[in-house]
Amino acid sequence: MSRFDSSGPSQRQLRVGEQVRHALSDVLQRGEVRDDLLETTVISISEVRMSPDLKIATAFVTPLGAADDQAIIKALARNAKFIRGRVSGALRQMKYMPEFRFRLDTSYDNMARIDDLLRSPEVARDLDTDGDEKE
């Protein structure tokens, strides 16, 4: 069994992913990408996952205040090569500049759904019943 068979990302993948996230955020925040849709939208990058060989960076983004999230993802994908070039200065220590892929971050939606479920009357009733039996 090799050391690459682990269940989660390596420490190096996590560190490089965080560096890439910061570099992407800087490029988007400075408005270096000349795309009408991207210039008028605030984009939050919550996480960047690196492939084991560090050649592919998958960025999970949340467009804030945008009507069409998929249009933002498509605009980012259209400009991925340009973004890659703009980020290269901040990541010059890397042997290979990663290819960027953009995905919509749904973790906030999932957390809100779970929170709503936990606050629902059915769950609250079950929680109250468990508390009464222990006393």
C-alpha atoms as a PDB file:
ATOM      1  CA  MET A   1       0.000   0.000   0.000  1.00  0.00           C
ATOM      2  CA  SER A   2       1.526   3.336  -1.029  1.00  0.00           C
ATOM      3  CA  ARG A   3       1.340   6.596   0.837  1.00  0.00           C
ATOM      4  CA  PHE A   4      -0.883   8.027  -1.929  1.00  0.00           C
ATOM      5  CA  ASP A   5      -3.774   5.704  -1.051  1.00  0.00           C
ATOM      6  CA  SER A   6      -4.884   7.879   1.867  1.00  0.00           C
ATOM      7  CA  SER A   7      -8.515   8.850   2.168  1.00  0.00           C
ATOM      8  CA  GLY A   8      -7.982  12.617   2.236  1.00  0.00           C
ATOM      9  CA  PRO A   9      -5.777  15.257   0.682  1.00  0.00           C
ATOM     10  CA  SER A  10      -2.136  15.446   1.681  1.00  0.00           C
ATOM     11  CA  GLN A  11      -0.720  18.278   3.739  1.00  0.00           C
ATOM     12  CA  ARG A  12       0.968  19.591   0.596  1.00  0.00           C
ATOM     13  CA  GLN A  13      -2.307  19.597  -1.363  1.00  0.00           C
ATOM     14  CA  LEU A  14      -3.988  21.549   1.425  1.00  0.00           C
ATOM     15  CA  ARG A  15      -1.154  24.104   1.657  1.00  0.00           C
ATOM     16  CA  VAL A  16      -0.935  24.654  -2.101  1.00  0.00           C
ATOM     17  CA  GLY A  17      -4.734  24.820  -2.376  1.00  0.00           C
ATOM     18  CA  GLU A  18      -4.789  27.629   0.183  1.00  0.00           C
ATOM     19  CA  GLN A  19      -2.051  29.514  -1.685  1.00  0.00           C
ATOM     20  CA  VAL A  20      -3.976  29.158  -4.942  1.00  0.00           C
ATOM     21  CA  ARG A  21      -7.180  30.334  -3.215  1.00  0.00           C
ATOM     22  CA  HIS A  22      -5.454  33.504  -2.020  1.00  0.00           C
ATOM     23  CA  ALA A  23      -3.952  34.177  -5.460  1.00  0.00           C
ATOM     24  CA  LEU A  24      -7.318  33.651  -7.206  1.00  0.00           C
ATOM     25  CA  SER A  25      -9.067  35.894  -4.704  1.00  0.00           C
ATOM     26  CA  ASP A  26      -6.524  38.653  -5.299  1.00  0.00           C
ATOM     27  CA  VAL A  27      -6.929  38.499  -9.081  1.00  0.00           C
ATOM     28  CA  LEU A  28     -10.736  38.580  -8.869  1.00  0.00           C
ATOM     29  CA  GLN A  29     -10.769  41.273  -6.191  1.00  0.00           C
ATOM     30  CA  ARG A  30      -8.517  43.589  -8.206  1.00  0.00           C
ATOM     31  CA  GLY A  31     -10.838  43.222 -11.204  1.00  0.00           C
ATOM     32  CA  GLU A  32      -8.108  42.045 -13.572  1.00  0.00           C
ATOM     33  CA  VAL A  33     -10.500  39.825 -15.538  1.00  0.00           C
ATOM     34  CA  ARG A  34     -12.200  41.916 -18.219  1.00  0.00           C
ATOM     35  CA  ASP A  35     -15.589  40.262 -18.350  1.00  0.00           C
ATOM     36  CA  ASP A  36     -18.751  42.324 -17.834  1.00  0.00           C
ATOM     37  CA  LEU A  37     -20.391  39.627 -15.758  1.00  0.00           C
ATOM     38  CA  LEU A  38     -17.375  39.062 -13.518  1.00  0.00           C
ATOM     39  CA  GLU A  39     -16.659  42.779 -13.062  1.00  0.00           C
ATOM     40  CA  THR A  40     -20.137  43.417 -11.646  1.00  0.00           C
ATOM     41  CA  THR A  41     -20.262  40.396  -9.320  1.00  0.00           C
ATOM     42  CA  VAL A  42     -18.540  39.790  -6.008  1.00  0.00           C
ATOM     43  CA  ILE A  43     -17.187  36.245  -6.005  1.00  0.00           C
ATOM     44  CA  SER A  44     -16.229  34.388  -2.848  1.00  0.00           C
ATOM     45  CA  ILE A  45     -13.789  31.490  -3.182  1.00  0.00           C
ATOM     46  CA  SER A  46     -14.409  29.177  -0.255  1.00  0.00           C
ATOM     47  CA  GLU A  47     -11.996  26.386  -1.130  1.00  0.00           C
ATOM     48  CA  VAL A  48      -9.526  25.205  -3.746  1.00  0.00           C
ATOM     49  CA  ARG A  49      -8.901  21.467  -4.000  1.00  0.00           C
ATOM     50  CA  MET A  50      -5.707  20.378  -5.677  1.00  0.00           C
ATOM     51  CA  SER A  51      -5.263  17.103  -7.547  1.00  0.00           C
ATOM     52  CA  PRO A  52      -2.587  14.780  -6.102  1.00  0.00           C
ATOM     53  CA  ASP A  53      -0.103  15.846  -8.815  1.00  0.00           C
ATOM     54  CA  LEU A  54      -0.976  19.555  -8.217  1.00  0.00           C
ATOM     55  CA  LYS A  55      -1.783  20.065 -11.908  1.00  0.00           C
ATOM     56  CA  ILE A  56      -5.532  20.671 -11.507  1.00  0.00           C
ATOM     57  CA  ALA A  57      -7.048  23.216  -9.122  1.00  0.00           C
ATOM     58  CA  THR A  58     -10.798  22.995  -8.551  1.00  0.00           C
ATOM     59  CA  ALA A  59     -12.073  26.259  -7.086  1.00  0.00           C
ATOM     60  CA  PHE A  60     -15.398  26.267  -5.260  1.00  0.00           C
ATOM     61  CA  VAL A  61     -16.971  29.684  -5.726  1.00  0.00           C
ATOM     62  CA  THR A  62     -20.045  31.493  -4.462  1.00  0.00           C
ATOM     63  CA  PRO A  63     -21.267  34.465  -6.509  1.00  0.00           C
ATOM     64  CA  LEU A  64     -22.746  37.011  -4.103  1.00  0.00           C
ATOM     65  CA  GLY A  65     -25.786  38.887  -5.358  1.00  0.00           C
ATOM     66  CA  ALA A  66     -25.804  37.262  -8.797  1.00  0.00           C
ATOM     67  CA  ALA A  67     -29.065  36.249 -10.394  1.00  0.00           C
ATOM     68  CA  ASP A  68     -27.610  33.391 -12.428  1.00  0.00           C
ATOM     69  CA  ASP A  69     -24.902  31.383 -10.661  1.00  0.00           C
ATOM     70  CA  GLN A  70     -24.273  29.113 -13.648  1.00  0.00           C
ATOM     71  CA  ALA A  71     -23.548  32.107 -15.871  1.00  0.00           C
ATOM     72  CA  ILE A  72     -20.802  33.152 -13.435  1.00  0.00           C
ATOM     73  CA  ILE A  73     -19.298  29.652 -13.508  1.00  0.00           C
ATOM     74  CA  LYS A  74     -19.339  29.698 -17.328  1.00  0.00           C
ATOM     75  CA  ALA A  75     -17.704  33.148 -17.390  1.00  0.00           C
ATOM     76  CA  LEU A  76     -14.958  31.940 -15.051  1.00  0.00           C
ATOM     77  CA  ALA A  77     -14.410  28.856 -17.220  1.00  0.00           C
ATOM     78  CA  ARG A  78     -14.204  31.071 -20.332  1.00  0.00           C
ATOM     79  CA  ASN A  79     -11.501  33.164 -18.674  1.00  0.00           C
ATOM     80  CA  ALA A  80      -9.660  30.278 -16.971  1.00  0.00           C
ATOM     81  CA  LYS A  81      -6.543  30.556 -19.148  1.00  0.00           C
ATOM     82  CA  PHE A  82      -6.301  34.304 -18.605  1.00  0.00           C
ATOM     83  CA  ILE A  83      -6.763  33.836 -14.844  1.00  0.00           C
ATOM     84  CA  ARG A  84      -4.081  31.157 -14.910  1.00  0.00           C
ATOM     85  CA  GLY A  85      -1.661  33.634 -16.447  1.00  0.00           C
ATOM     86  CA  ARG A  86      -2.513  36.364 -13.930  1.00  0.00           C
ATOM     87  CA  VAL A  87      -2.082  33.996 -10.973  1.00  0.00           C
ATOM     88  CA  SER A  88       1.256  32.662 -12.200  1.00  0.00           C
ATOM     89  CA  GLY A  89       3.234  35.511 -10.641  1.00  0.00           C
ATOM     90  CA  ALA A  90       1.951  34.737  -7.156  1.00  0.00           C
ATOM     91  CA  LEU A  91       2.567  31.004  -7.636  1.00  0.00           C
ATOM     92  CA  ARG A  92       5.980  31.136  -9.312  1.00  0.00           C
ATOM     93  CA  GLN A  93       7.414  28.628  -6.807  1.00  0.00           C
ATOM     94  CA  MET A  94       5.277  25.873  -8.345  1.00  0.00           C
ATOM     95  CA  LYS A  95       6.842  23.567 -10.913  1.00  0.00           C
ATOM     96  CA  TYR A  96       3.629  23.426 -12.978  1.00  0.00           C
ATOM     97  CA  MET A  97       0.939  26.062 -13.097  1.00  0.00           C
ATOM     98  CA  PRO A  98      -2.356  24.285 -12.373  1.00  0.00           C
ATOM     99  CA  GLU A  99      -5.290  24.182 -14.751  1.00  0.00           C
ATOM    100  CA  PHE A 100      -8.277  25.898 -13.156  1.00  0.00           C
ATOM    101  CA  ARG A 101     -11.744  24.419 -12.893  1.00  0.00           C
ATOM    102  CA  PHE A 102     -14.595  26.289 -11.278  1.00  0.00           C
ATOM    103  CA  ARG A 103     -17.510  24.706  -9.435  1.00  0.00           C
ATOM    104  CA  LEU A 104     -20.436  26.228  -7.594  1.00  0.00           C
ATOM    105  CA  ASP A 105     -20.056  25.898  -3.827  1.00  0.00           C
ATOM    106  CA  THR A 106     -23.249  24.420  -2.417  1.00  0.00           C
ATOM    107  CA  SER A 107     -21.966  23.862   1.122  1.00  0.00           C
ATOM    108  CA  TYR A 108     -23.765  26.963   2.431  1.00  0.00           C
ATOM    109  CA  ASP A 109     -27.048  25.746   0.945  1.00  0.00           C
ATOM    110  CA  ASN A 110     -26.516  22.328   2.532  1.00  0.00           C
ATOM    111  CA  MET A 111     -25.772  23.894   5.916  1.00  0.00           C
ATOM    112  CA  ALA A 112     -28.918  26.043   5.684  1.00  0.00           C
ATOM    113  CA  ARG A 113     -31.000  22.970   4.782  1.00  0.00           C
ATOM    114  CA  ILE A 114     -29.618  21.011   7.741  1.00  0.00           C
ATOM    115  CA  ASP A 115     -30.193  23.976  10.039  1.00  0.00           C
ATOM    116  CA  ASP A 116     -33.815  24.208   8.859  1.00  0.00           C
ATOM    117  CA  LEU A 117     -34.266  20.478   9.497  1.00  0.00           C
ATOM    118  CA  LEU A 118     -32.866  20.767  13.016  1.00  0.00           C
ATOM    119  CA  ARG A 119     -35.203  23.667  13.773  1.00  0.00           C
ATOM    120  CA  SER A 120     -38.267  21.903  12.375  1.00  0.00           C
ATOM    121  CA  PRO A 121     -41.088  21.108  14.838  1.00  0.00           C
ATOM    122  CA  GLU A 122     -40.726  17.347  14.289  1.00  0.00           C
ATOM    123  CA  VAL A 123     -37.073  17.313  15.333  1.00  0.00           C
ATOM    124  CA  ALA A 124     -37.699  19.719  18.210  1.00  0.00           C
ATOM    125  CA  ARG A 125     -40.487  17.430  19.442  1.00  0.00           C
ATOM    126  CA  ASP A 126     -38.164  14.409  19.299  1.00  0.00           C
ATOM    127  CA  LEU A 127     -35.449  16.266  21.156  1.00  0.00           C
ATOM    128  CA  ASP A 128     -37.904  17.341  23.886  1.00  0.00           C
ATOM    129  CA  THR A 129     -39.133  13.745  24.293  1.00  0.00           C
ATOM    130  CA  ASP A 130     -35.570  12.457  24.759  1.00  0.00           C
ATOM    131  CA  GLY A 131     -34.932  15.076  27.429  1.00  0.00           C
ATOM    132  CA  ASP A 132     -38.100  14.129  29.384  1.00  0.00           C
ATOM    133  CA  GLU A 133     -37.229  10.400  29.466  1.00  0.00           C
ATOM    134  CA  LYS A 134     -33.814  11.011  31.040  1.00  0.00           C
ATOM    135  CA  GLU A 135     -35.220  12.995  33.979  1.00  0.00           C
END
